[in-house]
Amino acid sequence: MSAGHDRERKVKLLLELEGWFVIRAAASLGFADLVALKAGEQPQMIEVKSNASGGPYMNFRRDDREALRAAAVRAGAVAMLAFWPKRGELRWIDSSAWP
């Protein structure tokens, strides 16, 4: 299992423990790793990154960020980046803060 898939599963589990219904969507959507739904909350489309060096956007290119942002707007969702490097803590970065 790759480090990226391991992190996706861990983020999914954390959200589920908070009451979210989470779908791993990487294979079918191509621009979001997870889709999270919870009654009374705005849906979330989440990209999970775990690269240890280069920061949260090193492997999350501008085109990919824009595609996720546009898809989230179309779906009435929030676009989020879950950045969790191997030796770091999980950081949630809303698309409004993306470069």
C-alpha atoms as a PDB file:
ATOM      1  CA  MET A   1       0.000   0.000   0.000  1.00  0.00           C
ATOM      2  CA  SER A   2       1.413   3.421  -0.896  1.00  0.00           C
ATOM      3  CA  ALA A   3       1.845   6.200   1.641  1.00  0.00           C
ATOM      4  CA  GLY A   4      -0.709   8.299  -0.249  1.00  0.00           C
ATOM      5  CA  HIS A   5      -3.417   5.641  -0.107  1.00  0.00           C
ATOM      6  CA  ASP A   6      -2.621   5.014   3.557  1.00  0.00           C
ATOM      7  CA  ARG A   7      -3.141   8.711   4.310  1.00  0.00           C
ATOM      8  CA  GLU A   8      -6.395   8.764   2.324  1.00  0.00           C
ATOM      9  CA  ARG A   9      -7.715   5.898   4.414  1.00  0.00           C
ATOM     10  CA  LYS A  10      -6.670   7.620   7.648  1.00  0.00           C
ATOM     11  CA  VAL A  11      -8.304  10.917   6.648  1.00  0.00           C
ATOM     12  CA  LYS A  12     -11.430   8.972   5.673  1.00  0.00           C
ATOM     13  CA  LEU A  13     -11.504   7.248   9.056  1.00  0.00           C
ATOM     14  CA  LEU A  14     -11.041  10.530  10.955  1.00  0.00           C
ATOM     15  CA  LEU A  15     -13.951  12.097   9.085  1.00  0.00           C
ATOM     16  CA  GLU A  16     -16.130   9.036   9.663  1.00  0.00           C
ATOM     17  CA  LEU A  17     -15.388   9.228  13.390  1.00  0.00           C
ATOM     18  CA  GLU A  18     -16.769  12.796  13.228  1.00  0.00           C
ATOM     19  CA  GLY A  19     -19.999  11.539  11.659  1.00  0.00           C
ATOM     20  CA  TRP A  20     -19.240  12.148   7.972  1.00  0.00           C
ATOM     21  CA  PHE A  21     -20.202   9.674   5.228  1.00  0.00           C
ATOM     22  CA  VAL A  22     -17.022   9.444   3.133  1.00  0.00           C
ATOM     23  CA  ILE A  23     -16.473   7.973  -0.312  1.00  0.00           C
ATOM     24  CA  ARG A  24     -12.997   7.293  -1.685  1.00  0.00           C
ATOM     25  CA  ALA A  25     -13.379   8.754  -5.124  1.00  0.00           C
ATOM     26  CA  ALA A  26      -9.897   8.886  -6.649  1.00  0.00           C
ATOM     27  CA  ALA A  27     -10.446   6.190  -9.264  1.00  0.00           C
ATOM     28  CA  SER A  28     -13.758   7.514 -10.534  1.00  0.00           C
ATOM     29  CA  LEU A  29     -13.432  11.285 -10.270  1.00  0.00           C
ATOM     30  CA  GLY A  30      -9.782  11.944 -10.980  1.00  0.00           C
ATOM     31  CA  PHE A  31      -9.693  15.319  -9.224  1.00  0.00           C
ATOM     32  CA  ALA A  32     -10.680  14.509  -5.628  1.00  0.00           C
ATOM     33  CA  ASP A  33      -9.578  11.659  -3.426  1.00  0.00           C
ATOM     34  CA  LEU A  34     -12.534  11.817  -1.045  1.00  0.00           C
ATOM     35  CA  VAL A  35     -16.080  13.139  -1.044  1.00  0.00           C
ATOM     36  CA  ALA A  36     -17.492  13.748   2.437  1.00  0.00           C
ATOM     37  CA  LEU A  37     -21.188  14.197   3.217  1.00  0.00           C
ATOM     38  CA  LYS A  38     -22.912  14.969   6.511  1.00  0.00           C
ATOM     39  CA  ALA A  39     -26.476  16.084   7.203  1.00  0.00           C
ATOM     40  CA  GLY A  40     -26.583  19.808   7.887  1.00  0.00           C
ATOM     41  CA  GLU A  41     -23.051  20.402   6.573  1.00  0.00           C
ATOM     42  CA  GLN A  42     -21.789  21.565   3.194  1.00  0.00           C
ATOM     43  CA  PRO A  43     -20.350  18.643   1.199  1.00  0.00           C
ATOM     44  CA  GLN A  44     -16.572  18.477   0.903  1.00  0.00           C
ATOM     45  CA  MET A  45     -14.421  17.393  -2.029  1.00  0.00           C
ATOM     46  CA  ILE A  46     -11.011  16.584  -0.609  1.00  0.00           C
ATOM     47  CA  GLU A  47      -7.573  16.085  -2.131  1.00  0.00           C
ATOM     48  CA  VAL A  48      -5.155  14.263   0.205  1.00  0.00           C
ATOM     49  CA  LYS A  49      -1.423  14.914  -0.093  1.00  0.00           C
ATOM     50  CA  SER A  50       1.326  13.360   2.004  1.00  0.00           C
ATOM     51  CA  ASN A  51       4.607  14.431   0.395  1.00  0.00           C
ATOM     52  CA  ALA A  52       7.248  14.998   3.055  1.00  0.00           C
ATOM     53  CA  SER A  53       9.152  17.739   1.254  1.00  0.00           C
ATOM     54  CA  GLY A  54       8.230  20.632  -0.967  1.00  0.00           C
ATOM     55  CA  GLY A  55       5.121  21.732   0.881  1.00  0.00           C
ATOM     56  CA  PRO A  56       1.433  21.055   0.318  1.00  0.00           C
ATOM     57  CA  TYR A  57       1.315  22.189  -3.324  1.00  0.00           C
ATOM     58  CA  MET A  58       4.390  20.373  -4.645  1.00  0.00           C
ATOM     59  CA  ASN A  59       2.289  17.515  -6.078  1.00  0.00           C
ATOM     60  CA  PHE A  60      -0.969  19.476  -6.300  1.00  0.00           C
ATOM     61  CA  ARG A  61      -0.465  21.566  -9.413  1.00  0.00           C
ATOM     62  CA  ARG A  62      -2.343  24.747 -10.220  1.00  0.00           C
ATOM     63  CA  ASP A  63      -4.397  23.022 -12.950  1.00  0.00           C
ATOM     64  CA  ASP A  64      -5.418  20.286 -10.514  1.00  0.00           C
ATOM     65  CA  ARG A  65      -6.351  22.853  -7.867  1.00  0.00           C
ATOM     66  CA  GLU A  66      -8.465  24.784 -10.357  1.00  0.00           C
ATOM     67  CA  ALA A  67     -10.204  21.613 -11.573  1.00  0.00           C
ATOM     68  CA  LEU A  68     -11.079  20.605  -8.022  1.00  0.00           C
ATOM     69  CA  ARG A  69     -12.212  24.125  -7.145  1.00  0.00           C
ATOM     70  CA  ALA A  70     -14.456  24.288 -10.250  1.00  0.00           C
ATOM     71  CA  ALA A  71     -15.949  20.830  -9.596  1.00  0.00           C
ATOM     72  CA  ALA A  72     -16.702  21.766  -5.996  1.00  0.00           C
ATOM     73  CA  VAL A  73     -18.481  24.951  -7.086  1.00  0.00           C
ATOM     74  CA  ARG A  74     -20.588  22.958  -9.565  1.00  0.00           C
ATOM     75  CA  ALA A  75     -21.503  20.475  -6.821  1.00  0.00           C
ATOM     76  CA  GLY A  76     -22.173  23.075  -4.119  1.00  0.00           C
ATOM     77  CA  ALA A  77     -19.269  21.636  -2.138  1.00  0.00           C
ATOM     78  CA  VAL A  78     -16.204  22.970  -0.390  1.00  0.00           C
ATOM     79  CA  ALA A  79     -12.843  22.115  -1.980  1.00  0.00           C
ATOM     80  CA  MET A  80     -10.292  21.114   0.655  1.00  0.00           C
ATOM     81  CA  LEU A  81      -6.704  19.966   0.759  1.00  0.00           C
ATOM     82  CA  ALA A  82      -5.845  17.517   3.538  1.00  0.00           C
ATOM     83  CA  PHE A  83      -2.059  17.839   3.790  1.00  0.00           C
ATOM     84  CA  TRP A  84      -0.530  15.196   6.048  1.00  0.00           C
ATOM     85  CA  PRO A  85       3.203  14.633   5.582  1.00  0.00           C
ATOM     86  CA  LYS A  86       4.710  11.419   6.923  1.00  0.00           C
ATOM     87  CA  ARG A  87       6.306  13.039   9.965  1.00  0.00           C
ATOM     88  CA  GLY A  88       3.856  15.886  10.380  1.00  0.00           C
ATOM     89  CA  GLU A  89       0.348  16.650  11.489  1.00  0.00           C
ATOM     90  CA  LEU A  90      -2.783  16.799   9.378  1.00  0.00           C
ATOM     91  CA  ARG A  91      -3.512  20.295   8.073  1.00  0.00           C
ATOM     92  CA  TRP A  92      -6.830  21.208   6.469  1.00  0.00           C
ATOM     93  CA  ILE A  93      -6.407  23.900   3.822  1.00  0.00           C
ATOM     94  CA  ASP A  94      -9.558  25.440   2.355  1.00  0.00           C
ATOM     95  CA  SER A  95      -9.446  26.338  -1.336  1.00  0.00           C
ATOM     96  CA  SER A  96      -9.783  30.018  -0.439  1.00  0.00           C
ATOM     97  CA  ALA A  97      -6.199  29.792   0.895  1.00  0.00           C
ATOM     98  CA  TRP A  98      -4.694  27.990  -2.123  1.00  0.00           C
ATOM     99  CA  PRO A  99      -2.207  29.924  -4.275  1.00  0.00           C
END
